[in-house]
Amino acid sequence: MSQTLEQLNEVFQEVFEDDDLQVQPKTSAKDIDEWDSLMHVNLVLAVESRFNVRFTSTEVAALKDVGELTDLVEKKRA
C-alpha cells in the first residue's frame, strides 16, 4: 500500500468514524453504506486539509474510486 493510500485510509477512518475501515484502490461509494453526498463533501474537505491540496469541482466529479483519488492527491502534491 502506498504512503498516500495509507494516509487516505486514515482519513476515511476518521470521516466515517470506523477504525476497522480499510479502503483499497477499487473502493468506491457503493462499497461504504454511509458514503452519501454529505459524507462525500466531508471526505473531500478532510482530504484537502490532510494533504494541503485543493480540488476543483470537475476533478471531484470525475473520481470513480479511491485509486483515482490517490492518483489525484499525488499529482497535486508533485
N, C-alpha and C. Protein backbone atom coordinates (compact mmCIF):
# COMPACT_ATOMS: atom_id res chain seq x y z
N MET A 1 0.85 -1.18 0.00
CA MET A 1 0.00 0.00 0.00
C MET A 1 0.89 1.24 0.00
N SER A 2 0.59 2.17 -0.90
CA SER A 2 1.40 3.39 -0.97
C SER A 2 1.17 4.25 0.27
N GLN A 3 2.12 5.12 0.53
CA GLN A 3 2.01 6.00 1.69
C GLN A 3 0.77 6.89 1.57
N THR A 4 0.50 7.37 0.37
CA THR A 4 -0.68 8.21 0.16
C THR A 4 -1.95 7.43 0.46
N LEU A 5 -2.02 6.20 -0.02
CA LEU A 5 -3.21 5.37 0.23
C LEU A 5 -3.36 5.07 1.71
N GLU A 6 -2.26 4.84 2.40
CA GLU A 6 -2.31 4.60 3.85
C GLU A 6 -2.87 5.83 4.56
N GLN A 7 -2.41 7.02 4.17
CA GLN A 7 -2.90 8.25 4.79
C GLN A 7 -4.36 8.49 4.44
N LEU A 8 -4.75 8.17 3.20
CA LEU A 8 -6.15 8.30 2.82
C LEU A 8 -7.02 7.36 3.65
N ASN A 9 -6.52 6.16 3.91
CA ASN A 9 -7.26 5.21 4.72
C ASN A 9 -7.54 5.79 6.11
N GLU A 10 -6.54 6.48 6.67
CA GLU A 10 -6.72 7.13 7.97
C GLU A 10 -7.80 8.20 7.90
N VAL A 11 -7.82 8.97 6.81
CA VAL A 11 -8.84 10.00 6.63
C VAL A 11 -10.22 9.35 6.55
N PHE A 12 -10.34 8.28 5.77
CA PHE A 12 -11.61 7.56 5.67
C PHE A 12 -12.07 7.07 7.04
N GLN A 13 -11.14 6.51 7.82
CA GLN A 13 -11.48 6.02 9.15
C GLN A 13 -12.01 7.16 10.03
N GLU A 14 -11.37 8.32 9.94
CA GLU A 14 -11.79 9.47 10.74
C GLU A 14 -13.16 9.99 10.28
N VAL A 15 -13.33 10.18 8.98
CA VAL A 15 -14.57 10.74 8.45
C VAL A 15 -15.75 9.81 8.71
N PHE A 16 -15.54 8.52 8.50
CA PHE A 16 -16.63 7.55 8.67
C PHE A 16 -16.70 6.98 10.09
N GLU A 17 -15.81 7.48 10.96
CA GLU A 17 -15.76 7.05 12.36
C GLU A 17 -15.78 5.53 12.49
N ASP A 18 -14.86 4.89 11.74
CA ASP A 18 -14.76 3.43 11.71
C ASP A 18 -13.29 3.03 11.63
N ASP A 19 -12.71 2.67 12.79
CA ASP A 19 -11.30 2.31 12.84
C ASP A 19 -10.98 1.02 12.10
N ASP A 20 -12.01 0.23 11.78
CA ASP A 20 -11.80 -1.03 11.07
C ASP A 20 -11.90 -0.88 9.56
N LEU A 21 -12.30 0.29 9.09
CA LEU A 21 -12.45 0.52 7.66
C LEU A 21 -11.10 0.44 6.96
N GLN A 22 -11.04 -0.34 5.90
CA GLN A 22 -9.83 -0.47 5.10
C GLN A 22 -10.20 -0.24 3.64
N VAL A 23 -9.73 0.87 3.07
CA VAL A 23 -10.03 1.15 1.68
C VAL A 23 -8.92 0.61 0.79
N GLN A 24 -9.29 0.26 -0.40
CA GLN A 24 -8.38 -0.24 -1.43
C GLN A 24 -8.54 0.66 -2.66
N PRO A 25 -7.64 0.56 -3.62
CA PRO A 25 -7.76 1.41 -4.81
C PRO A 25 -9.12 1.31 -5.51
N LYS A 26 -9.75 0.15 -5.49
CA LYS A 26 -11.02 -0.02 -6.19
C LYS A 26 -12.23 0.30 -5.32
N THR A 27 -12.02 0.71 -4.05
CA THR A 27 -13.14 1.06 -3.17
C THR A 27 -13.85 2.29 -3.73
N SER A 28 -15.18 2.23 -3.77
CA SER A 28 -15.97 3.36 -4.24
C SER A 28 -17.14 3.60 -3.29
N ALA A 29 -17.91 4.62 -3.57
CA ALA A 29 -19.03 4.97 -2.69
C ALA A 29 -20.01 3.82 -2.52
N LYS A 30 -20.17 2.98 -3.53
CA LYS A 30 -21.12 1.87 -3.42
C LYS A 30 -20.65 0.80 -2.42
N ASP A 31 -19.38 0.84 -2.04
CA ASP A 31 -18.82 -0.15 -1.11
C ASP A 31 -18.97 0.25 0.36
N ILE A 32 -19.30 1.51 0.62
CA ILE A 32 -19.41 2.01 2.00
C ILE A 32 -20.82 2.58 2.18
N ASP A 33 -21.63 1.90 2.97
CA ASP A 33 -23.04 2.28 3.13
C ASP A 33 -23.23 3.74 3.52
N GLU A 34 -22.38 4.26 4.40
CA GLU A 34 -22.54 5.62 4.90
C GLU A 34 -22.07 6.70 3.92
N TRP A 35 -21.48 6.30 2.80
CA TRP A 35 -20.90 7.25 1.86
C TRP A 35 -22.00 7.85 0.98
N ASP A 36 -22.64 8.89 1.48
CA ASP A 36 -23.65 9.61 0.72
C ASP A 36 -23.07 10.95 0.28
N SER A 37 -23.91 11.81 -0.26
CA SER A 37 -23.41 13.09 -0.80
C SER A 37 -22.82 13.98 0.29
N LEU A 38 -23.43 14.00 1.46
CA LEU A 38 -22.90 14.82 2.55
C LEU A 38 -21.56 14.28 3.03
N MET A 39 -21.46 12.97 3.18
CA MET A 39 -20.19 12.36 3.60
C MET A 39 -19.13 12.57 2.53
N HIS A 40 -19.54 12.62 1.28
CA HIS A 40 -18.59 12.85 0.19
C HIS A 40 -17.95 14.24 0.34
N VAL A 41 -18.78 15.23 0.64
CA VAL A 41 -18.27 16.59 0.85
C VAL A 41 -17.32 16.61 2.04
N ASN A 42 -17.73 15.98 3.14
CA ASN A 42 -16.88 15.92 4.33
C ASN A 42 -15.55 15.23 4.03
N LEU A 43 -15.61 14.17 3.24
CA LEU A 43 -14.42 13.42 2.88
C LEU A 43 -13.47 14.27 2.04
N VAL A 44 -14.00 14.94 1.04
CA VAL A 44 -13.18 15.79 0.17
C VAL A 44 -12.51 16.89 0.99
N LEU A 45 -13.27 17.53 1.87
CA LEU A 45 -12.69 18.58 2.70
C LEU A 45 -11.60 18.03 3.61
N ALA A 46 -11.82 16.85 4.17
CA ALA A 46 -10.83 16.24 5.06
C ALA A 46 -9.56 15.87 4.28
N VAL A 47 -9.72 15.36 3.07
CA VAL A 47 -8.56 15.01 2.24
C VAL A 47 -7.79 16.28 1.87
N GLU A 48 -8.50 17.33 1.48
CA GLU A 48 -7.83 18.59 1.15
C GLU A 48 -7.05 19.11 2.35
N SER A 49 -7.64 19.04 3.50
CA SER A 49 -6.98 19.52 4.71
C SER A 49 -5.76 18.68 5.07
N ARG A 50 -5.92 17.37 5.01
CA ARG A 50 -4.84 16.45 5.39
C ARG A 50 -3.62 16.60 4.50
N PHE A 51 -3.86 16.76 3.19
CA PHE A 51 -2.76 16.79 2.23
C PHE A 51 -2.41 18.21 1.78
N ASN A 52 -3.13 19.21 2.31
CA ASN A 52 -2.88 20.60 1.95
C ASN A 52 -2.95 20.80 0.43
N VAL A 53 -4.05 20.31 -0.15
CA VAL A 53 -4.30 20.46 -1.58
C VAL A 53 -5.72 20.99 -1.76
N ARG A 54 -6.03 21.45 -2.97
CA ARG A 54 -7.39 21.88 -3.31
C ARG A 54 -7.80 21.20 -4.60
N PHE A 55 -9.05 20.73 -4.63
CA PHE A 55 -9.60 20.08 -5.82
C PHE A 55 -10.64 20.99 -6.45
N THR A 56 -10.75 20.92 -7.76
CA THR A 56 -11.84 21.62 -8.45
C THR A 56 -13.08 20.72 -8.40
N SER A 57 -14.23 21.31 -8.60
CA SER A 57 -15.46 20.52 -8.62
C SER A 57 -15.43 19.51 -9.77
N THR A 58 -14.81 19.86 -10.87
CA THR A 58 -14.68 18.95 -12.02
C THR A 58 -13.83 17.74 -11.65
N GLU A 59 -12.74 17.97 -10.95
CA GLU A 59 -11.87 16.87 -10.53
C GLU A 59 -12.63 15.92 -9.59
N VAL A 60 -13.34 16.49 -8.64
CA VAL A 60 -14.08 15.68 -7.67
C VAL A 60 -15.17 14.87 -8.38
N ALA A 61 -15.88 15.50 -9.30
CA ALA A 61 -16.97 14.82 -10.01
C ALA A 61 -16.46 13.67 -10.88
N ALA A 62 -15.23 13.76 -11.34
CA ALA A 62 -14.68 12.74 -12.23
C ALA A 62 -14.15 11.51 -11.48
N LEU A 63 -13.97 11.61 -10.16
CA LEU A 63 -13.41 10.49 -9.40
C LEU A 63 -14.35 9.31 -9.36
N LYS A 64 -13.82 8.11 -9.63
CA LYS A 64 -14.63 6.90 -9.63
C LYS A 64 -14.35 6.00 -8.44
N ASP A 65 -13.12 6.09 -7.89
CA ASP A 65 -12.77 5.22 -6.77
C ASP A 65 -11.58 5.80 -6.00
N VAL A 66 -11.20 5.11 -4.95
CA VAL A 66 -10.11 5.58 -4.09
C VAL A 66 -8.78 5.62 -4.84
N GLY A 67 -8.59 4.71 -5.77
CA GLY A 67 -7.37 4.71 -6.57
C GLY A 67 -7.21 6.00 -7.36
N GLU A 68 -8.30 6.48 -7.95
CA GLU A 68 -8.25 7.74 -8.69
C GLU A 68 -8.02 8.91 -7.74
N LEU A 69 -8.60 8.84 -6.54
CA LEU A 69 -8.36 9.88 -5.53
C LEU A 69 -6.90 9.89 -5.12
N THR A 70 -6.33 8.71 -4.93
CA THR A 70 -4.91 8.59 -4.58
C THR A 70 -4.04 9.23 -5.65
N ASP A 71 -4.33 8.89 -6.90
CA ASP A 71 -3.56 9.45 -8.02
C ASP A 71 -3.68 10.97 -8.08
N LEU A 72 -4.89 11.49 -7.85
CA LEU A 72 -5.10 12.93 -7.89
C LEU A 72 -4.34 13.63 -6.77
N VAL A 73 -4.37 13.07 -5.58
CA VAL A 73 -3.63 13.65 -4.46
C VAL A 73 -2.14 13.68 -4.78
N GLU A 74 -1.61 12.57 -5.29
CA GLU A 74 -0.18 12.50 -5.61
C GLU A 74 0.18 13.50 -6.71
N LYS A 75 -0.70 13.67 -7.69
CA LYS A 75 -0.46 14.62 -8.76
C LYS A 75 -0.44 16.05 -8.21
N LYS A 76 -1.36 16.36 -7.32
CA LYS A 76 -1.44 17.71 -6.74
C LYS A 76 -0.23 18.01 -5.87
N ARG A 77 0.32 16.99 -5.23
CA ARG A 77 1.44 17.19 -4.31
C ARG A 77 2.78 17.20 -5.03
N ALA A 78 2.80 16.78 -6.28
CA ALA A 78 4.06 16.69 -7.04
C ALA A 78 4.62 18.05 -7.41
